[in-house]
Amino acid sequence: MYENPAEIQDWLNSAHESTYHWKTRRQFICDDRDLPGGTSMPYFHTHELIEIFYVRKGHKRYVCDNDFSCDLLPGDLLIIPENIEHRTFSVTNEPQSRLILYFRRSYLDRFSAEIEKH
């Protein structure tokens, strides 16, 4: 889909602005997007954040470590641990809406005392 580095950089700038927040060591990132058509990540990637991927509208295919894939439809939620190689692509070119939450495992530390009570 994307053949040269300039196209990949343009895709990162337009479709995944939150990528740049990863470098700032933020603890929690919310990436909420309505997409007019299908989008596909041009490559596999990893990051040191846990990812929660929620589909509101459309149809996405999620591939992890090149040996696991699943189709996500509206209402589906997938949790991807940190440092797992993954990518998504659109099954159709129809409008889509999705919410991605990224957070560091350390973000949950502040809740550990409360979690341990239950």
PDB file of N, CA and C in Angstrom:
ATOM      1  N   MET A   1       0.814  -1.195   0.000  1.00  0.00           N
ATOM      2  CA  MET A   1       0.000   0.000   0.000  1.00  0.00           C
ATOM      3  C   MET A   1       0.858   1.261   0.000  1.00  0.00           C
ATOM      4  N   TYR A   2       1.799   1.386   0.929  1.00  0.00           N
ATOM      5  CA  TYR A   2       2.708   2.520   0.991  1.00  0.00           C
ATOM      6  C   TYR A   2       4.092   2.031   0.602  1.00  0.00           C
ATOM      7  N   GLU A   3       4.643   2.631  -0.443  1.00  0.00           N
ATOM      8  CA  GLU A   3       5.902   2.127  -0.984  1.00  0.00           C
ATOM      9  C   GLU A   3       7.110   2.937  -0.539  1.00  0.00           C
ATOM     10  N   ASN A   4       6.958   4.221  -0.253  1.00  0.00           N
ATOM     11  CA  ASN A   4       8.146   4.997   0.100  1.00  0.00           C
ATOM     12  C   ASN A   4       8.005   5.628   1.481  1.00  0.00           C
ATOM     13  N   PRO A   5       9.129   5.972   2.098  1.00  0.00           N
ATOM     14  CA  PRO A   5       9.098   6.511   3.469  1.00  0.00           C
ATOM     15  C   PRO A   5       8.263   7.789   3.613  1.00  0.00           C
ATOM     16  N   ALA A   6       8.221   8.631   2.588  1.00  0.00           N
ATOM     17  CA  ALA A   6       7.427   9.868   2.673  1.00  0.00           C
ATOM     18  C   ALA A   6       5.945   9.546   2.833  1.00  0.00           C
ATOM     19  N   GLU A   7       5.448   8.535   2.119  1.00  0.00           N
ATOM     20  CA  GLU A   7       4.044   8.140   2.253  1.00  0.00           C
ATOM     21  C   GLU A   7       3.756   7.606   3.649  1.00  0.00           C
ATOM     22  N   ILE A   8       4.676   6.820   4.192  1.00  0.00           N
ATOM     23  CA  ILE A   8       4.495   6.293   5.540  1.00  0.00           C
ATOM     24  C   ILE A   8       4.453   7.429   6.542  1.00  0.00           C
ATOM     25  N   GLN A   9       5.352   8.404   6.408  1.00  0.00           N
ATOM     26  CA  GLN A   9       5.368   9.539   7.331  1.00  0.00           C
ATOM     27  C   GLN A   9       4.080  10.347   7.217  1.00  0.00           C
ATOM     28  N   ASP A  10       3.590  10.564   5.998  1.00  0.00           N
ATOM     29  CA  ASP A  10       2.322  11.278   5.816  1.00  0.00           C
ATOM     30  C   ASP A  10       1.187  10.532   6.505  1.00  0.00           C
ATOM     31  N   TRP A  11       1.180   9.197   6.376  1.00  0.00           N
ATOM     32  CA  TRP A  11       0.147   8.401   7.029  1.00  0.00           C
ATOM     33  C   TRP A  11       0.242   8.541   8.544  1.00  0.00           C
ATOM     34  N   LEU A  12       1.443   8.480   9.088  1.00  0.00           N
ATOM     35  CA  LEU A  12       1.612   8.650  10.532  1.00  0.00           C
ATOM     36  C   LEU A  12       1.113  10.018  10.983  1.00  0.00           C
ATOM     37  N   ASN A  13       1.438  11.053  10.226  1.00  0.00           N
ATOM     38  CA  ASN A  13       1.028  12.409  10.601  1.00  0.00           C
ATOM     39  C   ASN A  13      -0.487  12.574  10.562  1.00  0.00           C
ATOM     40  N   SER A  14      -1.144  11.985   9.577  1.00  0.00           N
ATOM     41  CA  SER A  14      -2.580  12.204   9.440  1.00  0.00           C
ATOM     42  C   SER A  14      -3.424  11.234  10.249  1.00  0.00           C
ATOM     43  N   ALA A  15      -3.050   9.985  10.281  1.00  0.00           N
ATOM     44  CA  ALA A  15      -3.922   8.968  10.868  1.00  0.00           C
ATOM     45  C   ALA A  15      -3.546   8.580  12.283  1.00  0.00           C
ATOM     46  N   HIS A  16      -2.321   8.859  12.707  1.00  0.00           N
ATOM     47  CA  HIS A  16      -1.891   8.390  14.016  1.00  0.00           C
ATOM     48  C   HIS A  16      -1.053   9.427  14.742  1.00  0.00           C
ATOM     49  N   GLU A  17      -1.646  10.585  14.974  1.00  0.00           N
ATOM     50  CA  GLU A  17      -0.926  11.637  15.667  1.00  0.00           C
ATOM     51  C   GLU A  17      -0.469  11.201  17.051  1.00  0.00           C
ATOM     52  N   SER A  18      -1.197  10.296  17.685  1.00  0.00           N
ATOM     53  CA  SER A  18      -0.835   9.858  19.031  1.00  0.00           C
ATOM     54  C   SER A  18       0.513   9.141  19.056  1.00  0.00           C
ATOM     55  N   THR A  19       0.978   8.678  17.906  1.00  0.00           N
ATOM     56  CA  THR A  19       2.291   8.031  17.835  1.00  0.00           C
ATOM     57  C   THR A  19       3.350   8.925  18.464  1.00  0.00           C
ATOM     58  N   TYR A  20       3.248  10.203  18.242  1.00  0.00           N
ATOM     59  CA  TYR A  20       4.270  11.123  18.735  1.00  0.00           C
ATOM     60  C   TYR A  20       4.178  11.324  20.235  1.00  0.00           C
ATOM     61  N   HIS A  21       3.034  11.083  20.845  1.00  0.00           N
ATOM     62  CA  HIS A  21       2.907  11.196  22.300  1.00  0.00           C
ATOM     63  C   HIS A  21       3.658  10.081  23.016  1.00  0.00           C
ATOM     64  N   TRP A  22       3.870   8.969  22.347  1.00  0.00           N
ATOM     65  CA  TRP A  22       4.570   7.853  22.988  1.00  0.00           C
ATOM     66  C   TRP A  22       5.952   8.280  23.438  1.00  0.00           C
ATOM     67  N   LYS A  23       6.566   9.204  22.708  1.00  0.00           N
ATOM     68  CA  LYS A  23       7.909   9.651  23.033  1.00  0.00           C
ATOM     69  C   LYS A  23       7.930  10.568  24.250  1.00  0.00           C
ATOM     70  N   THR A  24       6.772  11.086  24.646  1.00  0.00           N
ATOM     71  CA  THR A  24       6.726  12.034  25.750  1.00  0.00           C
ATOM     72  C   THR A  24       6.560  11.354  27.106  1.00  0.00           C
ATOM     73  N   ARG A  25       6.424  10.026  27.104  1.00  0.00           N
ATOM     74  CA  ARG A  25       6.254   9.244  28.324  1.00  0.00           C
ATOM     75  C   ARG A  25       4.946   9.551  29.051  1.00  0.00           C
ATOM     76  N   ARG A  26       3.947   9.977  28.307  1.00  0.00           N
ATOM     77  CA  ARG A  26       2.627  10.171  28.904  1.00  0.00           C
ATOM     78  C   ARG A  26       2.105   8.838  29.386  1.00  0.00           C
ATOM     79  N   GLN A  27       1.314   8.863  30.444  1.00  0.00           N
ATOM     80  CA  GLN A  27       0.813   7.633  31.050  1.00  0.00           C
ATOM     81  C   GLN A  27      -0.459   7.112  30.377  1.00  0.00           C
ATOM     82  N   PHE A  28      -1.243   7.989  29.764  1.00  0.00           N
ATOM     83  CA  PHE A  28      -2.534   7.587  29.217  1.00  0.00           C
ATOM     84  C   PHE A  28      -2.833   8.425  27.978  1.00  0.00           C
ATOM     85  N   ILE A  29      -3.219   7.766  26.896  1.00  0.00           N
ATOM     86  CA  ILE A  29      -3.514   8.465  25.642  1.00  0.00           C
ATOM     87  C   ILE A  29      -4.831   7.930  25.102  1.00  0.00           C
ATOM     88  N   CYS A  30      -5.685   8.833  24.656  1.00  0.00           N
ATOM     89  CA  CYS A  30      -6.959   8.468  24.041  1.00  0.00           C
ATOM     90  C   CYS A  30      -6.923   8.929  22.589  1.00  0.00           C
ATOM     91  N   ASP A  31      -7.121   8.019  21.661  1.00  0.00           N
ATOM     92  CA  ASP A  31      -7.128   8.327  20.231  1.00  0.00           C
ATOM     93  C   ASP A  31      -8.513   7.954  19.701  1.00  0.00           C
ATOM     94  N   ASP A  32      -9.364   8.946  19.532  1.00  0.00           N
ATOM     95  CA  ASP A  32     -10.762   8.769  19.168  1.00  0.00           C
ATOM     96  C   ASP A  32     -10.957   9.297  17.754  1.00  0.00           C
ATOM     97  N   ARG A  33     -11.325   8.438  16.821  1.00  0.00           N
ATOM     98  CA  ARG A  33     -11.426   8.888  15.422  1.00  0.00           C
ATOM     99  C   ARG A  33     -12.654   8.337  14.707  1.00  0.00           C
ATOM    100  N   ASP A  34     -13.230   9.212  13.895  1.00  0.00           N
ATOM    101  CA  ASP A  34     -14.216   8.830  12.899  1.00  0.00           C
ATOM    102  C   ASP A  34     -13.479   8.893  11.571  1.00  0.00           C
ATOM    103  N   LEU A  35     -13.498   7.805  10.819  1.00  0.00           N
ATOM    104  CA  LEU A  35     -12.760   7.730   9.571  1.00  0.00           C
ATOM    105  C   LEU A  35     -13.743   7.635   8.409  1.00  0.00           C
ATOM    106  N   PRO A  36     -13.588   8.492   7.394  1.00  0.00           N
ATOM    107  CA  PRO A  36     -14.557   8.506   6.298  1.00  0.00           C
ATOM    108  C   PRO A  36     -14.554   7.241   5.457  1.00  0.00           C
ATOM    109  N   GLY A  37     -13.457   6.498   5.466  1.00  0.00           N
ATOM    110  CA  GLY A  37     -13.359   5.265   4.696  1.00  0.00           C
ATOM    111  C   GLY A  37     -12.411   4.309   5.390  1.00  0.00           C
ATOM    112  N   GLY A  38     -12.110   3.240   4.717  1.00  0.00           N
ATOM    113  CA  GLY A  38     -11.206   2.261   5.297  1.00  0.00           C
ATOM    114  C   GLY A  38      -9.787   2.790   5.408  1.00  0.00           C
ATOM    115  N   THR A  39      -9.081   2.351   6.419  1.00  0.00           N
ATOM    116  CA  THR A  39      -7.669   2.684   6.578  1.00  0.00           C
ATOM    117  C   THR A  39      -6.921   1.411   6.932  1.00  0.00           C
ATOM    118  N   SER A  40      -5.684   1.348   6.500  1.00  0.00           N
ATOM    119  CA  SER A  40      -4.861   0.186   6.807  1.00  0.00           C
ATOM    120  C   SER A  40      -3.480   0.661   7.228  1.00  0.00           C
ATOM    121  N   MET A  41      -2.951   0.041   8.262  1.00  0.00           N
ATOM    122  CA  MET A  41      -1.597   0.351   8.692  1.00  0.00           C
ATOM    123  C   MET A  41      -0.648  -0.291   7.692  1.00  0.00           C
ATOM    124  N   PRO A  42       0.342   0.440   7.216  1.00  0.00           N
ATOM    125  CA  PRO A  42       1.216  -0.101   6.171  1.00  0.00           C
ATOM    126  C   PRO A  42       2.271  -1.076   6.686  1.00  0.00           C
ATOM    127  N   TYR A  43       2.374  -1.232   7.991  1.00  0.00           N
ATOM    128  CA  TYR A  43       3.434  -2.075   8.540  1.00  0.00           C
ATOM    129  C   TYR A  43       3.062  -2.552   9.942  1.00  0.00           C
ATOM    130  N   PHE A  44       3.732  -3.586  10.407  1.00  0.00           N
ATOM    131  CA  PHE A  44       3.609  -4.019  11.795  1.00  0.00           C
ATOM    132  C   PHE A  44       4.432  -3.082  12.661  1.00  0.00           C
ATOM    133  N   HIS A  45       4.007  -2.910  13.902  1.00  0.00           N
ATOM    134  CA  HIS A  45       4.758  -2.073  14.832  1.00  0.00           C
ATOM    135  C   HIS A  45       4.548  -2.582  16.254  1.00  0.00           C
ATOM    136  N   THR A  46       5.361  -2.104  17.173  1.00  0.00           N
ATOM    137  CA  THR A  46       5.203  -2.395  18.595  1.00  0.00           C
ATOM    138  C   THR A  46       5.332  -1.088  19.362  1.00  0.00           C
ATOM    139  N   HIS A  47       4.877  -1.095  20.589  1.00  0.00           N
ATOM    140  CA  HIS A  47       5.093   0.046  21.482  1.00  0.00           C
ATOM    141  C   HIS A  47       5.035  -0.449  22.914  1.00  0.00           C
ATOM    142  N   GLU A  48       5.519   0.369  23.813  1.00  0.00           N
ATOM    143  CA  GLU A  48       5.597  -0.013  25.228  1.00  0.00           C
ATOM    144  C   GLU A  48       4.335   0.352  25.994  1.00  0.00           C
ATOM    145  N   LEU A  49       3.231   0.394  25.294  1.00  0.00           N
ATOM    146  CA  LEU A  49       1.954   0.742  25.894  1.00  0.00           C
ATOM    147  C   LEU A  49       0.963  -0.398  25.694  1.00  0.00           C
ATOM    148  N   ILE A  50       0.085  -0.587  26.660  1.00  0.00           N
ATOM    149  CA  ILE A  50      -1.047  -1.490  26.489  1.00  0.00           C
ATOM    150  C   ILE A  50      -2.050  -0.759  25.606  1.00  0.00           C
ATOM    151  N   GLU A  51      -2.677  -1.466  24.705  1.00  0.00           N
ATOM    152  CA  GLU A  51      -3.633  -0.851  23.776  1.00  0.00           C
ATOM    153  C   GLU A  51      -4.991  -1.514  23.935  1.00  0.00           C
ATOM    154  N   ILE A  52      -6.021  -0.700  24.069  1.00  0.00           N
ATOM    155  CA  ILE A  52      -7.399  -1.190  24.042  1.00  0.00           C
ATOM    156  C   ILE A  52      -8.041  -0.604  22.794  1.00  0.00           C
ATOM    157  N   PHE A  53      -8.446  -1.472  21.894  1.00  0.00           N
ATOM    158  CA  PHE A  53      -8.994  -1.077  20.599  1.00  0.00           C
ATOM    159  C   PHE A  53     -10.487  -1.396  20.591  1.00  0.00           C
ATOM    160  N   TYR A  54     -11.320  -0.363  20.420  1.00  0.00           N
ATOM    161  CA  TYR A  54     -12.779  -0.529  20.449  1.00  0.00           C
ATOM    162  C   TYR A  54     -13.369  -0.022  19.131  1.00  0.00           C
ATOM    163  N   VAL A  55     -14.191  -0.838  18.499  1.00  0.00           N
ATOM    164  CA  VAL A  55     -14.814  -0.474  17.226  1.00  0.00           C
ATOM    165  C   VAL A  55     -16.243  -0.002  17.468  1.00  0.00           C
ATOM    166  N   ARG A  56     -16.545   1.205  17.022  1.00  0.00           N
ATOM    167  CA  ARG A  56     -17.913   1.737  17.099  1.00  0.00           C
ATOM    168  C   ARG A  56     -18.689   1.494  15.811  1.00  0.00           C
ATOM    169  N   LYS A  57     -17.975   1.645  14.668  1.00  0.00           N
ATOM    170  CA  LYS A  57     -18.632   1.490  13.365  1.00  0.00           C
ATOM    171  C   LYS A  57     -17.599   0.975  12.370  1.00  0.00           C
ATOM    172  N   GLY A  58     -18.016   0.058  11.509  1.00  0.00           N
ATOM    173  CA  GLY A  58     -17.122  -0.451  10.483  1.00  0.00           C
ATOM    174  C   GLY A  58     -16.643  -1.862  10.781  1.00  0.00           C
ATOM    175  N   HIS A  59     -15.620  -2.257  10.058  1.00  0.00           N
ATOM    176  CA  HIS A  59     -15.103  -3.627  10.136  1.00  0.00           C
ATOM    177  C   HIS A  59     -13.582  -3.555  10.007  1.00  0.00           C
ATOM    178  N   LYS A  60     -12.865  -3.937  11.062  1.00  0.00           N
ATOM    179  CA  LYS A  60     -11.401  -3.926  11.066  1.00  0.00           C
ATOM    180  C   LYS A  60     -10.885  -5.343  11.266  1.00  0.00           C
ATOM    181  N   ARG A  61      -9.752  -5.632  10.679  1.00  0.00           N
ATOM    182  CA  ARG A  61      -9.052  -6.886  10.965  1.00  0.00           C
ATOM    183  C   ARG A  61      -7.785  -6.525  11.726  1.00  0.00           C
ATOM    184  N   TYR A  62      -7.573  -7.199  12.838  1.00  0.00           N
ATOM    185  CA  TYR A  62      -6.433  -6.954  13.718  1.00  0.00           C
ATOM    186  C   TYR A  62      -5.515  -8.160  13.645  1.00  0.00           C
ATOM    187  N   VAL A  63      -4.242  -7.936  13.368  1.00  0.00           N
ATOM    188  CA  VAL A  63      -3.271  -9.019  13.247  1.00  0.00           C
ATOM    189  C   VAL A  63      -2.159  -8.777  14.261  1.00  0.00           C
ATOM    190  N   CYS A  64      -1.849  -9.805  15.061  1.00  0.00           N
ATOM    191  CA  CYS A  64      -0.790  -9.721  16.070  1.00  0.00           C
ATOM    192  C   CYS A  64       0.263 -10.785  15.801  1.00  0.00           C
ATOM    193  N   ASP A  65       1.514 -10.394  15.908  1.00  0.00           N
ATOM    194  CA  ASP A  65       2.648 -11.321  15.796  1.00  0.00           C
ATOM    195  C   ASP A  65       2.556 -12.244  14.580  1.00  0.00           C
ATOM    196  N   ASN A  66       1.855 -11.811  13.559  1.00  0.00           N
ATOM    197  CA  ASN A  66       1.728 -12.568  12.310  1.00  0.00           C
ATOM    198  C   ASN A  66       1.139 -13.969  12.474  1.00  0.00           C
ATOM    199  N   ASP A  67       0.652 -14.312  13.694  1.00  0.00           N
ATOM    200  CA  ASP A  67       0.059 -15.640  13.858  1.00  0.00           C
ATOM    201  C   ASP A  67      -1.328 -15.605  14.494  1.00  0.00           C
ATOM    202  N   PHE A  68      -1.818 -14.414  14.813  1.00  0.00           N
ATOM    203  CA  PHE A  68      -3.165 -14.264  15.371  1.00  0.00           C
ATOM    204  C   PHE A  68      -3.863 -13.149  14.612  1.00  0.00           C
ATOM    205  N   SER A  69      -5.068 -13.406  14.183  1.00  0.00           N
ATOM    206  CA  SER A  69      -5.855 -12.333  13.573  1.00  0.00           C
ATOM    207  C   SER A  69      -7.310 -12.508  13.970  1.00  0.00           C
ATOM    208  N   CYS A  70      -8.016 -11.402  14.016  1.00  0.00           N
ATOM    209  CA  CYS A  70      -9.446 -11.461  14.296  1.00  0.00           C
ATOM    210  C   CYS A  70     -10.132 -10.291  13.614  1.00  0.00           C
ATOM    211  N   ASP A  71     -11.382 -10.511  13.266  1.00  0.00           N
ATOM    212  CA  ASP A  71     -12.202  -9.454  12.691  1.00  0.00           C
ATOM    213  C   ASP A  71     -12.949  -8.779  13.816  1.00  0.00           C
ATOM    214  N   LEU A  72     -12.930  -7.454  13.799  1.00  0.00           N
ATOM    215  CA  LEU A  72     -13.616  -6.659  14.820  1.00  0.00           C
ATOM    216  C   LEU A  72     -14.776  -5.920  14.175  1.00  0.00           C
ATOM    217  N   LEU A  73     -15.931  -6.051  14.782  1.00  0.00           N
ATOM    218  CA  LEU A  73     -17.159  -5.394  14.328  1.00  0.00           C
ATOM    219  C   LEU A  73     -17.633  -4.438  15.416  1.00  0.00           C
ATOM    220  N   PRO A  74     -18.623  -3.593  15.134  1.00  0.00           N
ATOM    221  CA  PRO A  74     -19.093  -2.645  16.138  1.00  0.00           C
ATOM    222  C   PRO A  74     -19.421  -3.322  17.473  1.00  0.00           C
ATOM    223  N   GLY A  75     -18.892  -2.731  18.544  1.00  0.00           N
ATOM    224  CA  GLY A  75     -19.086  -3.264  19.883  1.00  0.00           C
ATOM    225  C   GLY A  75     -17.963  -4.175  20.339  1.00  0.00           C
ATOM    226  N   ASP A  76     -17.069  -4.567  19.428  1.00  0.00           N
ATOM    227  CA  ASP A  76     -15.945  -5.438  19.792  1.00  0.00           C
ATOM    228  C   ASP A  76     -14.813  -4.628  20.401  1.00  0.00           C
ATOM    229  N   LEU A  77     -14.142  -5.265  21.347  1.00  0.00           N
ATOM    230  CA  LEU A  77     -13.030  -4.637  22.057  1.00  0.00           C
ATOM    231  C   LEU A  77     -11.887  -5.659  22.115  1.00  0.00           C
ATOM    232  N   LEU A  78     -10.676  -5.195  21.867  1.00  0.00           N
ATOM    233  CA  LEU A  78      -9.505  -6.063  21.910  1.00  0.00           C
ATOM    234  C   LEU A  78      -8.437  -5.386  22.766  1.00  0.00           C
ATOM    235  N   ILE A  79      -7.810  -6.150  23.656  1.00  0.00           N
ATOM    236  CA  ILE A  79      -6.729  -5.633  24.501  1.00  0.00           C
ATOM    237  C   ILE A  79      -5.429  -6.263  24.026  1.00  0.00           C
ATOM    238  N   ILE A  80      -4.449  -5.411  23.702  1.00  0.00           N
ATOM    239  CA  ILE A  80      -3.164  -5.869  23.208  1.00  0.00           C
ATOM    240  C   ILE A  80      -2.097  -5.476  24.227  1.00  0.00           C
ATOM    241  N   PRO A  81      -1.392  -6.461  24.792  1.00  0.00           N
ATOM    242  CA  PRO A  81      -0.333  -6.141  25.755  1.00  0.00           C
ATOM    243  C   PRO A  81       0.805  -5.352  25.094  1.00  0.00           C
ATOM    244  N   GLU A  82       1.615  -4.724  25.910  1.00  0.00           N
ATOM    245  CA  GLU A  82       2.746  -3.978  25.385  1.00  0.00           C
ATOM    246  C   GLU A  82       3.740  -4.909  24.683  1.00  0.00           C
ATOM    247  N   ASN A  83       4.461  -4.320  23.718  1.00  0.00           N
ATOM    248  CA  ASN A  83       5.532  -4.998  22.971  1.00  0.00           C
ATOM    249  C   ASN A  83       5.072  -6.181  22.124  1.00  0.00           C
ATOM    250  N   ILE A  84       3.809  -6.207  21.734  1.00  0.00           N
ATOM    251  CA  ILE A  84       3.293  -7.217  20.805  1.00  0.00           C
ATOM    252  C   ILE A  84       3.251  -6.581  19.416  1.00  0.00           C
ATOM    253  N   GLU A  85       3.879  -7.213  18.457  1.00  0.00           N
ATOM    254  CA  GLU A  85       3.867  -6.698  17.098  1.00  0.00           C
ATOM    255  C   GLU A  85       2.446  -6.817  16.540  1.00  0.00           C
ATOM    256  N   HIS A  86       1.927  -5.725  15.968  1.00  0.00           N
ATOM    257  CA  HIS A  86       0.549  -5.747  15.480  1.00  0.00           C
ATOM    258  C   HIS A  86       0.319  -4.709  14.393  1.00  0.00           C
ATOM    259  N   ARG A  87      -0.813  -4.868  13.722  1.00  0.00           N
ATOM    260  CA  ARG A  87      -1.298  -3.880  12.748  1.00  0.00           C
ATOM    261  C   ARG A  87      -2.778  -4.118  12.515  1.00  0.00           C
ATOM    262  N   THR A  88      -3.444  -3.136  11.952  1.00  0.00           N
ATOM    263  CA  THR A  88      -4.852  -3.276  11.588  1.00  0.00           C
ATOM    264  C   THR A  88      -5.012  -2.970  10.103  1.00  0.00           C
ATOM    265  N   PHE A  89      -6.065  -3.505   9.532  1.00  0.00           N
ATOM    266  CA  PHE A  89      -6.435  -3.076   8.186  1.00  0.00           C
ATOM    267  C   PHE A  89      -7.935  -3.201   8.023  1.00  0.00           C
ATOM    268  N   SER A  90      -8.434  -2.420   7.097  1.00  0.00           N
ATOM    269  CA  SER A  90      -9.873  -2.398   6.840  1.00  0.00           C
ATOM    270  C   SER A  90     -10.257  -3.532   5.918  1.00  0.00           C
ATOM    271  N   VAL A  91     -11.345  -4.171   6.246  1.00  0.00           N
ATOM    272  CA  VAL A  91     -11.877  -5.237   5.414  1.00  0.00           C
ATOM    273  C   VAL A  91     -12.689  -4.621   4.269  1.00  0.00           C
ATOM    274  N   THR A  92     -13.317  -3.486   4.557  1.00  0.00           N
ATOM    275  CA  THR A  92     -14.077  -2.753   3.531  1.00  0.00           C
ATOM    276  C   THR A  92     -13.600  -1.304   3.533  1.00  0.00           C
ATOM    277  N   ASN A  93     -14.046  -0.567   2.560  1.00  0.00           N
ATOM    278  CA  ASN A  93     -13.691   0.852   2.477  1.00  0.00           C
ATOM    279  C   ASN A  93     -14.834   1.732   2.988  1.00  0.00           C
ATOM    280  N   GLU A  94     -15.671   1.189   3.847  1.00  0.00           N
ATOM    281  CA  GLU A  94     -16.813   1.921   4.385  1.00  0.00           C
ATOM    282  C   GLU A  94     -16.382   2.801   5.556  1.00  0.00           C
ATOM    283  N   PRO A  95     -17.181   3.815   5.903  1.00  0.00           N
ATOM    284  CA  PRO A  95     -16.851   4.671   7.052  1.00  0.00           C
ATOM    285  C   PRO A  95     -16.672   3.851   8.330  1.00  0.00           C
ATOM    286  N   GLN A  96     -15.779   4.324   9.164  1.00  0.00           N
ATOM    287  CA  GLN A  96     -15.457   3.616  10.396  1.00  0.00           C
ATOM    288  C   GLN A  96     -15.339   4.609  11.552  1.00  0.00           C
ATOM    289  N   SER A  97     -15.537   4.094  12.739  1.00  0.00           N
ATOM    290  CA  SER A  97     -15.331   4.871  13.959  1.00  0.00           C
ATOM    291  C   SER A  97     -14.714   3.933  14.985  1.00  0.00           C
ATOM    292  N   ARG A  98     -13.635   4.403  15.631  1.00  0.00           N
ATOM    293  CA  ARG A  98     -12.987   3.562  16.622  1.00  0.00           C
ATOM    294  C   ARG A  98     -12.368   4.423  17.713  1.00  0.00           C
ATOM    295  N   LEU A  99     -12.159   3.799  18.848  1.00  0.00           N
ATOM    296  CA  LEU A  99     -11.540   4.444  20.002  1.00  0.00           C
ATOM    297  C   LEU A  99     -10.374   3.564  20.426  1.00  0.00           C
ATOM    298  N   ILE A 100      -9.206   4.168  20.588  1.00  0.00           N
ATOM    299  CA  ILE A 100      -8.046   3.421  21.073  1.00  0.00           C
ATOM    300  C   ILE A 100      -7.551   4.108  22.343  1.00  0.00           C
ATOM    301  N   LEU A 101      -7.402   3.332  23.395  1.00  0.00           N
ATOM    302  CA  LEU A 101      -6.811   3.811  24.636  1.00  0.00           C
ATOM    303  C   LEU A 101      -5.441   3.166  24.760  1.00  0.00           C
ATOM    304  N   TYR A 102      -4.451   3.994  25.035  1.00  0.00           N
ATOM    305  CA  TYR A 102      -3.089   3.513  25.254  1.00  0.00           C
ATOM    306  C   TYR A 102      -2.700   3.905  26.670  1.00  0.00           C
ATOM    307  N   PHE A 103      -2.064   3.000  27.384  1.00  0.00           N
ATOM    308  CA  PHE A 103      -1.567   3.380  28.702  1.00  0.00           C
ATOM    309  C   PHE A 103      -0.411   2.486  29.108  1.00  0.00           C
ATOM    310  N   ARG A 104       0.413   3.025  29.953  1.00  0.00           N
ATOM    311  CA  ARG A 104       1.529   2.260  30.499  1.00  0.00           C
ATOM    312  C   ARG A 104       1.016   1.416  31.661  1.00  0.00           C
ATOM    313  N   ARG A 105       1.616   0.261  31.845  1.00  0.00           N
ATOM    314  CA  ARG A 105       1.236  -0.604  32.963  1.00  0.00           C
ATOM    315  C   ARG A 105       1.346   0.164  34.282  1.00  0.00           C
ATOM    316  N   SER A 106       2.317   1.055  34.367  1.00  0.00           N
ATOM    317  CA  SER A 106       2.509   1.843  35.595  1.00  0.00           C
ATOM    318  C   SER A 106       1.330   2.777  35.870  1.00  0.00           C
ATOM    319  N   TYR A 107       0.538   3.082  34.840  1.00  0.00           N
ATOM    320  CA  TYR A 107      -0.645   3.917  35.037  1.00  0.00           C
ATOM    321  C   TYR A 107      -1.608   3.260  36.026  1.00  0.00           C
ATOM    322  N   LEU A 108      -1.664   1.927  36.022  1.00  0.00           N
ATOM    323  CA  LEU A 108      -2.566   1.199  36.906  1.00  0.00           C
ATOM    324  C   LEU A 108      -2.050   1.111  38.340  1.00  0.00           C
ATOM    325  N   ASP A 109      -0.769   1.402  38.546  1.00  0.00           N
ATOM    326  CA  ASP A 109      -0.183   1.306  39.885  1.00  0.00           C
ATOM    327  C   ASP A 109      -0.943   2.133  40.921  1.00  0.00           C
ATOM    328  N   ARG A 110      -1.408   3.291  40.504  1.00  0.00           N
ATOM    329  CA  ARG A 110      -2.103   4.152  41.473  1.00  0.00           C
ATOM    330  C   ARG A 110      -3.434   3.551  41.945  1.00  0.00           C
ATOM    331  N   PHE A 111      -3.930   2.544  41.220  1.00  0.00           N
ATOM    332  CA  PHE A 111      -5.176   1.897  41.588  1.00  0.00           C
ATOM    333  C   PHE A 111      -4.954   0.565  42.290  1.00  0.00           C
ATOM    334  N   SER A 112      -3.716   0.144  42.444  1.00  0.00           N
ATOM    335  CA  SER A 112      -3.417  -1.211  42.931  1.00  0.00           C
ATOM    336  C   SER A 112      -3.979  -1.470  44.335  1.00  0.00           C
ATOM    337  N   ALA A 113      -3.904  -0.500  45.224  1.00  0.00           N
ATOM    338  CA  ALA A 113      -4.430  -0.710  46.577  1.00  0.00           C
ATOM    339  C   ALA A 113      -5.937  -0.984  46.544  1.00  0.00           C
ATOM    340  N   GLU A 114      -6.649  -0.251  45.727  1.00  0.00           N
ATOM    341  CA  GLU A 114      -8.090  -0.426  45.619  1.00  0.00           C
ATOM    342  C   GLU A 114      -8.424  -1.769  44.951  1.00  0.00           C
ATOM    343  N   ILE A 115      -7.671  -2.121  43.929  1.00  0.00           N
ATOM    344  CA  ILE A 115      -7.904  -3.386  43.226  1.00  0.00           C
ATOM    345  C   ILE A 115      -7.687  -4.565  44.173  1.00  0.00           C
ATOM    346  N   GLU A 116      -6.657  -4.484  44.995  1.00  0.00           N
ATOM    347  CA  GLU A 116      -6.343  -5.582  45.914  1.00  0.00           C
ATOM    348  C   GLU A 116      -7.410  -5.768  46.986  1.00  0.00           C
ATOM    349  N   LYS A 117      -8.207  -4.771  47.274  1.00  0.00           N
ATOM    350  CA  LYS A 117      -9.297  -4.898  48.264  1.00  0.00           C
ATOM    351  C   LYS A 117     -10.386  -5.847  47.760  1.00  0.00           C
ATOM    352  N   HIS A 118     -10.499  -5.986  46.442  1.00  0.00           N
ATOM    353  CA  HIS A 118     -11.602  -6.758  45.855  1.00  0.00           C
ATOM    354  C   HIS A 118     -11.096  -8.043  45.365  1.00  0.00           C
TER     355      HIS A 118
END
